Amino acid sequence: MSNAAWETLSNQAIAAAGVVYFLALLVHLAEWAALRQPAAEKARETVPAQGGEWSSYDAGEPAAAGPDVARRSDRIAFLARLGLLLTIIACAAHFVGLVGRGMAADPNRVPWGNMYEFTISGSFVVTLLYLVLYKRLKLAWMAPLVITFVLSVLMVAVIWLHEPVAPLAESLNSYWLVIHVVSAVIATGAFTLGGIASIMYLVRSRAERRAGGTELAGWMGQVPSLAALDRVAYRVHAFAFPVWTFAVLITGPIWAHEAWSRYWNWDPKEVWAFITWVVYAGYLHARATAGWKGRNAAILALVGLGTLWFNFIGINYFSTSSQHSYAVDSPVEQSVVLAAEPGLAPGRAGG
């Protein structure tokens, strides 16, 4: 295949992934609608959920009421399985889009040469980690939230960030690009999932207070208990933190020393990456030593998520001094900047 054909395949695969993500979201919204019941209906039954596991759904009437309840339960289980299947298909198309993007360049390269490529890579990792952890952490309830996030990021990437495929800037031709960016993207995806769990902890906590001790119905009733949400958030953050540490405090400084002869340059991206590291270190330390759990831990985790995404988006667009900015995207503009600043090297990878 020619480079142009690969680029066309990549664009079509990303578009197809967006369409299938949207269909998966519609299916899960239909599942939500099926779960909604009048407040007066409190009876429950146990039905199989996604992945063959069992969970409690609000049936709205006793299980012995007749075939309507069984049909409704079967419909909910079918929608859950269909939504999962569509998410897997969308993730596969997403991956094809990434591969095609890298193969479209001459020479072939990893698809992390500009903001568009890094964004579609990051959103892919969020979906991939969700699917990998789906059964282990019982994340079926998270499906609509993950899909909404990934679909929104893809829309932003395609509409505002898309750039034609270009050769990798000379400053990025280093094996440290792969090591540094892979670890940073994995950590970013995991922190995002942990942030979603923390958000839902606060949402469910408020819903329980407003319910006044009565059992939550509908989709909110399927969200795990506060203790389970807190545990999921902690486990995901505990996985992401050492990966982020490897990315920003080990591979990043090594690459900077190789490029700039200095391990630390006080670049805005470096500073904000370190701030993110400090916030998450405080989160894990507070949980381990001070026994912080629940609401306080969730709020601190969301502060970390805010610094993480500001580092990813804000620095790239609002900083005029960062050597990691994506403000310069075209090869011509990159060559001008590199000529003016010979020491500029790890700059455009976004990590």
Protein backbone atom coordinates (compact mmCIF):
# COMPACT_ATOMS: atom_id res chain seq x y z
CA MET A 1 0.00 0.00 0.00
CA SER A 2 1.12 3.54 -0.70
CA ASN A 3 1.55 6.13 2.03
CA ALA A 4 -1.56 7.94 0.80
CA ALA A 5 -3.55 4.70 1.00
CA TRP A 6 -2.38 4.12 4.57
CA GLU A 7 -3.36 7.66 5.54
CA THR A 8 -6.79 7.19 3.97
CA LEU A 9 -7.19 3.90 5.82
CA SER A 10 -6.23 5.59 9.07
CA ASN A 11 -8.74 8.40 8.62
CA GLN A 12 -11.49 5.97 7.66
CA ALA A 13 -10.71 3.67 10.60
CA ILE A 14 -10.81 6.55 13.09
CA ALA A 15 -14.13 7.70 11.59
CA ALA A 16 -15.48 4.14 11.79
CA ALA A 17 -14.33 3.87 15.39
CA GLY A 18 -16.19 7.08 16.21
CA VAL A 19 -19.38 5.75 14.61
CA VAL A 20 -19.18 2.43 16.46
CA TYR A 21 -18.38 4.19 19.76
CA PHE A 22 -21.51 6.28 19.19
CA LEU A 23 -23.60 3.14 18.55
CA ALA A 24 -22.19 1.57 21.72
CA LEU A 25 -23.16 4.69 23.64
CA LEU A 26 -26.71 4.55 22.26
CA VAL A 27 -26.98 0.90 23.30
CA HIS A 28 -25.83 1.68 26.83
CA LEU A 29 -28.23 4.61 27.03
CA ALA A 30 -31.01 2.21 26.03
CA GLU A 31 -29.81 -0.04 28.84
CA TRP A 32 -30.04 2.92 31.23
CA ALA A 33 -33.58 3.61 30.04
CA ALA A 34 -34.57 0.01 30.64
CA LEU A 35 -33.20 0.22 34.17
CA ARG A 36 -35.27 3.27 35.10
CA GLN A 37 -38.28 2.53 37.27
CA PRO A 38 -40.85 4.59 39.17
CA ALA A 39 -39.70 5.35 42.68
CA ALA A 40 -42.54 3.35 44.19
CA GLU A 41 -41.34 0.12 42.61
CA LYS A 42 -38.70 -1.36 44.89
CA ALA A 43 -38.72 -5.07 44.16
CA ARG A 44 -35.49 -6.51 42.76
CA GLU A 45 -34.30 -9.65 41.07
CA THR A 46 -30.91 -11.04 40.13
CA VAL A 47 -30.08 -11.41 36.46
CA PRO A 48 -26.89 -12.10 34.48
CA ALA A 49 -25.03 -8.95 33.47
CA GLN A 50 -22.13 -8.34 31.13
CA GLY A 51 -19.34 -10.87 30.85
CA GLY A 52 -21.45 -13.66 32.39
CA GLU A 53 -21.24 -12.12 35.86
CA TRP A 54 -24.29 -11.58 38.01
CA SER A 55 -25.59 -8.30 39.29
CA SER A 56 -28.80 -7.00 40.78
CA TYR A 57 -31.16 -5.08 38.50
CA ASP A 58 -34.23 -3.18 39.53
CA ALA A 59 -37.07 -5.27 38.16
CA GLY A 60 -39.80 -2.89 39.29
CA GLU A 61 -41.96 -5.79 40.50
CA PRO A 62 -41.52 -9.16 42.19
CA ALA A 63 -39.72 -11.79 40.15
CA ALA A 64 -42.77 -14.01 40.28
CA ALA A 65 -44.93 -11.40 38.57
CA GLY A 66 -44.71 -13.11 35.22
CA PRO A 67 -42.91 -13.29 31.88
CA ASP A 68 -42.68 -9.48 31.48
CA VAL A 69 -40.01 -9.32 34.16
CA ALA A 70 -37.98 -12.10 32.53
CA ARG A 71 -38.24 -10.42 29.12
CA ARG A 72 -37.14 -7.11 30.57
CA SER A 73 -34.20 -8.77 32.34
CA ASP A 74 -33.18 -10.54 29.13
CA ARG A 75 -33.37 -7.25 27.22
CA ILE A 76 -31.13 -5.50 29.74
CA ALA A 77 -28.58 -8.33 29.65
CA PHE A 78 -28.65 -8.33 25.82
CA LEU A 79 -28.08 -4.57 25.64
CA ALA A 80 -25.18 -4.87 28.07
CA ARG A 81 -23.50 -7.59 25.99
CA LEU A 82 -24.16 -5.74 22.73
CA GLY A 83 -22.66 -2.55 24.15
CA LEU A 84 -19.53 -4.42 25.20
CA LEU A 85 -19.21 -6.06 21.78
CA LEU A 86 -19.54 -2.72 20.00
CA THR A 87 -16.91 -1.21 22.29
CA ILE A 88 -14.50 -4.02 21.42
CA ILE A 89 -15.13 -3.50 17.69
CA ALA A 90 -14.61 0.27 18.06
CA CYS A 91 -11.36 -0.32 19.96
CA ALA A 92 -10.13 -2.61 17.15
CA ALA A 93 -10.97 0.03 14.51
CA HIS A 94 -9.25 2.64 16.68
CA PHE A 95 -6.12 0.49 16.73
CA VAL A 96 -6.20 0.10 12.94
CA GLY A 97 -6.36 3.89 12.67
CA LEU A 98 -3.22 4.22 14.81
CA VAL A 99 -1.32 1.59 12.83
CA GLY A 100 -2.34 3.18 9.53
CA ARG A 101 -1.19 6.59 10.77
CA GLY A 102 2.28 5.27 11.54
CA MET A 103 2.52 3.32 8.29
CA ALA A 104 1.51 6.37 6.26
CA ALA A 105 4.69 8.23 7.18
CA ASP A 106 7.90 7.88 5.19
CA PRO A 107 9.81 6.35 6.82
CA ASN A 108 7.32 4.41 8.97
CA ARG A 109 7.20 5.65 12.53
CA VAL A 110 5.24 5.52 15.77
CA PRO A 111 2.03 7.62 15.59
CA TRP A 112 3.12 10.29 18.06
CA GLY A 113 4.39 13.10 15.89
CA ASN A 114 1.81 15.78 16.73
CA MET A 115 -1.10 16.63 18.99
CA TYR A 116 -3.66 14.80 16.84
CA GLU A 117 -1.72 11.56 16.95
CA PHE A 118 -1.02 11.75 20.66
CA THR A 119 -4.71 12.47 21.36
CA ILE A 120 -6.03 9.50 19.40
CA SER A 121 -3.36 7.32 21.04
CA GLY A 122 -4.33 8.46 24.53
CA SER A 123 -8.04 7.87 23.94
CA PHE A 124 -7.27 4.40 22.56
CA VAL A 125 -5.38 3.49 25.72
CA VAL A 126 -8.33 4.60 27.88
CA THR A 127 -10.60 2.18 26.00
CA LEU A 128 -8.00 -0.60 26.00
CA LEU A 129 -7.39 -0.35 29.75
CA TYR A 130 -11.15 -0.31 30.37
CA LEU A 131 -11.55 -3.56 28.40
CA VAL A 132 -8.51 -5.18 30.05
CA LEU A 133 -9.74 -4.32 33.55
CA TYR A 134 -13.42 -4.91 32.71
CA LYS A 135 -13.82 -8.27 34.43
CA ARG A 136 -11.07 -7.95 37.01
CA LEU A 137 -12.48 -4.75 38.52
CA LYS A 138 -16.12 -5.29 37.39
CA LEU A 139 -16.29 -2.08 35.37
CA ALA A 140 -19.52 -2.76 33.47
CA TRP A 141 -21.16 0.24 35.15
CA MET A 142 -18.42 2.52 33.78
CA ALA A 143 -19.15 1.78 30.11
CA PRO A 144 -21.26 4.86 29.21
CA LEU A 145 -18.83 7.20 30.97
CA VAL A 146 -15.72 5.77 29.30
CA ILE A 147 -17.35 5.75 25.86
CA THR A 148 -18.59 9.33 26.26
CA PHE A 149 -15.10 10.48 27.24
CA VAL A 150 -13.34 8.64 24.40
CA LEU A 151 -15.90 9.73 21.81
CA SER A 152 -15.59 13.37 22.92
CA VAL A 153 -11.79 13.27 22.72
CA LEU A 154 -11.93 11.68 19.26
CA MET A 155 -14.32 14.39 18.04
CA VAL A 156 -11.98 17.12 19.29
CA ALA A 157 -9.01 15.39 17.64
CA VAL A 158 -10.70 14.95 14.26
CA ILE A 159 -12.41 18.36 14.11
CA TRP A 160 -9.74 20.65 15.57
CA LEU A 161 -6.43 18.82 15.83
CA HIS A 162 -6.13 16.82 12.62
CA GLU A 163 -2.90 17.27 10.68
CA PRO A 164 -1.71 15.56 7.48
CA VAL A 165 0.85 12.84 7.99
CA ALA A 166 4.39 14.21 7.96
CA PRO A 167 7.84 12.77 8.64
CA LEU A 168 8.85 12.72 12.27
CA ALA A 169 10.76 15.82 13.26
CA GLU A 170 14.47 15.19 13.64
CA SER A 171 14.23 16.14 17.30
CA LEU A 172 11.93 13.16 17.90
CA ASN A 173 14.05 10.53 16.16
CA SER A 174 15.03 8.75 19.34
CA TYR A 175 14.11 5.42 20.88
CA TRP A 176 13.34 7.38 24.04
CA LEU A 177 10.25 8.69 22.26
CA VAL A 178 8.73 5.21 22.36
CA ILE A 179 9.73 4.49 25.95
CA HIS A 180 8.74 7.89 27.31
CA VAL A 181 5.45 8.34 25.45
CA VAL A 182 4.22 4.76 25.92
CA SER A 183 4.62 4.98 29.67
CA ALA A 184 3.10 8.48 29.81
CA VAL A 185 0.08 7.45 27.73
CA ILE A 186 -0.55 4.30 29.78
CA ALA A 187 -0.40 6.29 33.01
CA THR A 188 -2.68 8.98 31.57
CA GLY A 189 -5.26 6.38 30.55
CA ALA A 190 -5.18 4.69 33.94
CA PHE A 191 -5.39 7.99 35.84
CA THR A 192 -8.42 8.88 33.71
CA LEU A 193 -10.20 5.65 34.66
CA GLY A 194 -9.34 6.26 38.30
CA GLY A 195 -10.68 9.80 37.97
CA ILE A 196 -13.98 8.49 36.56
CA ALA A 197 -14.29 6.16 39.56
CA SER A 198 -13.59 9.09 41.89
CA ILE A 199 -16.22 11.25 40.16
CA MET A 200 -18.78 8.48 40.52
CA TYR A 201 -17.89 8.14 44.20
CA LEU A 202 -18.90 11.75 44.74
CA VAL A 203 -22.02 11.38 42.56
CA ARG A 204 -23.21 8.24 44.33
CA SER A 205 -22.42 9.73 47.74
CA ARG A 206 -24.65 12.69 46.94
CA ALA A 207 -27.37 10.43 45.53
CA GLU A 208 -27.37 8.36 48.72
CA ARG A 209 -27.68 11.45 50.88
CA ARG A 210 -30.60 12.72 48.80
CA ALA A 211 -32.25 9.29 48.89
CA GLY A 212 -32.35 9.46 52.67
CA GLY A 213 -31.34 5.87 53.25
CA THR A 214 -33.65 4.32 50.64
CA GLU A 215 -32.18 2.00 48.06
CA LEU A 216 -31.04 3.63 44.83
CA ALA A 217 -32.89 2.51 41.70
CA GLY A 218 -32.16 2.52 37.99
CA TRP A 219 -28.64 2.83 36.63
CA MET A 220 -27.36 4.48 39.79
CA GLY A 221 -28.36 1.34 41.63
CA GLN A 222 -25.93 -0.60 39.44
CA VAL A 223 -22.98 1.63 40.32
CA PRO A 224 -20.90 -0.20 42.96
CA SER A 225 -21.10 0.75 46.61
CA LEU A 226 -19.05 3.66 47.90
CA ALA A 227 -16.53 1.27 49.43
CA ALA A 228 -16.16 -0.58 46.11
CA LEU A 229 -15.76 2.67 44.14
CA ASP A 230 -13.13 3.87 46.58
CA ARG A 231 -11.30 0.57 46.24
CA VAL A 232 -11.40 0.64 42.42
CA ALA A 233 -10.10 4.21 42.33
CA TYR A 234 -7.26 3.35 44.68
CA ARG A 235 -6.20 0.23 42.80
CA VAL A 236 -6.14 2.01 39.43
CA HIS A 237 -4.21 4.98 40.83
CA ALA A 238 -1.76 2.62 42.55
CA PHE A 239 -1.08 1.00 39.17
CA ALA A 240 -0.76 4.29 37.27
CA PHE A 241 1.52 6.09 39.72
CA PRO A 242 4.71 4.03 39.26
CA VAL A 243 4.18 4.12 35.48
CA TRP A 244 3.88 7.91 35.62
CA THR A 245 6.97 8.04 37.84
CA PHE A 246 8.89 6.04 35.24
CA ALA A 247 7.69 8.38 32.49
CA VAL A 248 8.32 11.79 34.07
CA LEU A 249 11.14 11.19 36.57
CA ILE A 250 13.21 8.54 34.77
CA THR A 251 12.75 8.38 30.99
CA GLY A 252 11.93 12.09 30.63
CA PRO A 253 15.08 13.37 32.35
CA ILE A 254 17.25 10.78 30.58
CA TRP A 255 15.92 11.90 27.19
CA ALA A 256 16.33 15.56 28.20
CA HIS A 257 19.95 14.93 29.16
CA GLU A 258 20.57 13.18 25.86
CA ALA A 259 19.05 16.10 23.95
CA TRP A 260 19.89 19.14 26.06
CA SER A 261 22.79 17.89 28.23
CA ARG A 262 20.64 18.66 31.27
CA TYR A 263 18.33 16.36 33.21
CA TRP A 264 16.00 19.17 34.27
CA ASN A 265 15.26 22.42 32.43
CA TRP A 266 12.31 23.90 34.36
CA ASP A 267 10.23 23.65 31.21
CA PRO A 268 6.52 24.31 31.98
CA LYS A 269 5.64 20.79 30.84
CA GLU A 270 8.24 19.30 33.14
CA VAL A 271 7.06 21.43 36.05
CA TRP A 272 3.40 20.49 35.60
CA ALA A 273 4.27 16.82 35.15
CA PHE A 274 6.11 17.02 38.48
CA ILE A 275 3.15 18.82 40.09
CA THR A 276 0.89 15.99 38.88
CA TRP A 277 3.33 13.49 40.37
CA VAL A 278 3.32 15.32 43.73
CA VAL A 279 -0.50 15.41 43.87
CA TYR A 280 -0.84 11.70 43.17
CA ALA A 281 2.01 10.89 45.54
CA GLY A 282 0.10 12.85 48.19
CA TYR A 283 -3.06 10.91 47.36
CA LEU A 284 -1.40 7.52 47.79
CA HIS A 285 0.60 8.63 50.82
CA ALA A 286 -2.49 10.03 52.56
CA ARG A 287 -4.38 6.79 52.00
CA ALA A 288 -1.49 4.66 53.27
CA THR A 289 -0.52 6.71 56.34
CA ALA A 290 -3.38 8.99 57.34
CA GLY A 291 -6.17 6.62 56.39
CA TRP A 292 -7.71 9.04 53.89
CA LYS A 293 -10.56 7.34 52.13
CA GLY A 294 -13.86 8.30 50.63
CA ARG A 295 -14.72 11.88 49.81
CA ASN A 296 -11.38 13.51 50.69
CA ALA A 297 -9.43 10.97 48.67
CA ALA A 298 -11.80 11.36 45.70
CA ILE A 299 -11.40 15.15 45.72
CA LEU A 300 -7.60 14.88 45.86
CA ALA A 301 -7.65 12.37 43.00
CA LEU A 302 -9.68 14.83 40.90
CA VAL A 303 -7.16 17.58 41.64
CA GLY A 304 -4.52 15.25 40.25
CA LEU A 305 -6.66 14.56 37.19
CA GLY A 306 -7.06 18.30 36.63
CA THR A 307 -3.30 18.89 36.74
CA LEU A 308 -2.76 15.90 34.45
CA TRP A 309 -5.07 17.16 31.71
CA PHE A 310 -3.93 20.75 32.07
CA ASN A 311 -0.41 19.44 31.52
CA PHE A 312 -1.61 17.62 28.41
CA ILE A 313 -3.83 20.35 26.92
CA GLY A 314 -3.15 23.64 28.68
CA ILE A 315 0.62 23.71 28.38
CA ASN A 316 0.47 22.76 24.71
CA TYR A 317 -1.75 25.71 23.84
CA PHE A 318 -1.21 28.38 26.47
CA SER A 319 2.53 28.25 27.09
CA THR A 320 4.79 30.34 24.88
CA SER A 321 8.02 29.04 26.38
CA SER A 322 7.51 25.28 26.64
CA GLN A 323 9.77 23.16 24.48
CA HIS A 324 7.08 20.46 24.63
CA SER A 325 4.39 22.58 22.97
CA TYR A 326 2.35 21.36 20.02
CA ALA A 327 1.86 24.93 18.81
CA VAL A 328 4.34 24.22 16.02
CA ASP A 329 3.06 21.32 13.94
CA SER A 330 4.15 21.62 10.35
CA PRO A 331 7.62 20.36 9.33
CA VAL A 332 8.52 23.80 7.93
CA GLU A 333 7.62 25.59 11.17
CA GLN A 334 9.41 22.91 13.18
CA SER A 335 12.59 23.38 11.14
CA VAL A 336 12.45 27.13 11.74
CA VAL A 337 12.10 26.66 15.49
CA LEU A 338 14.80 24.01 15.63
CA ALA A 339 17.16 26.26 13.71
CA ALA A 340 16.49 29.08 16.13
CA GLU A 341 16.81 26.80 19.16
CA PRO A 342 19.38 24.08 18.42
CA GLY A 343 18.92 22.51 21.84
CA LEU A 344 15.23 21.81 21.28
CA ALA A 345 14.77 18.06 21.22
CA PRO A 346 12.16 16.07 23.12
CA GLY A 347 9.81 18.95 22.49
CA ARG A 348 6.95 17.83 20.30
CA ALA A 349 6.13 14.46 21.77
CA GLY A 350 3.69 15.80 24.31
CA GLY A 351 4.95 13.58 27.12
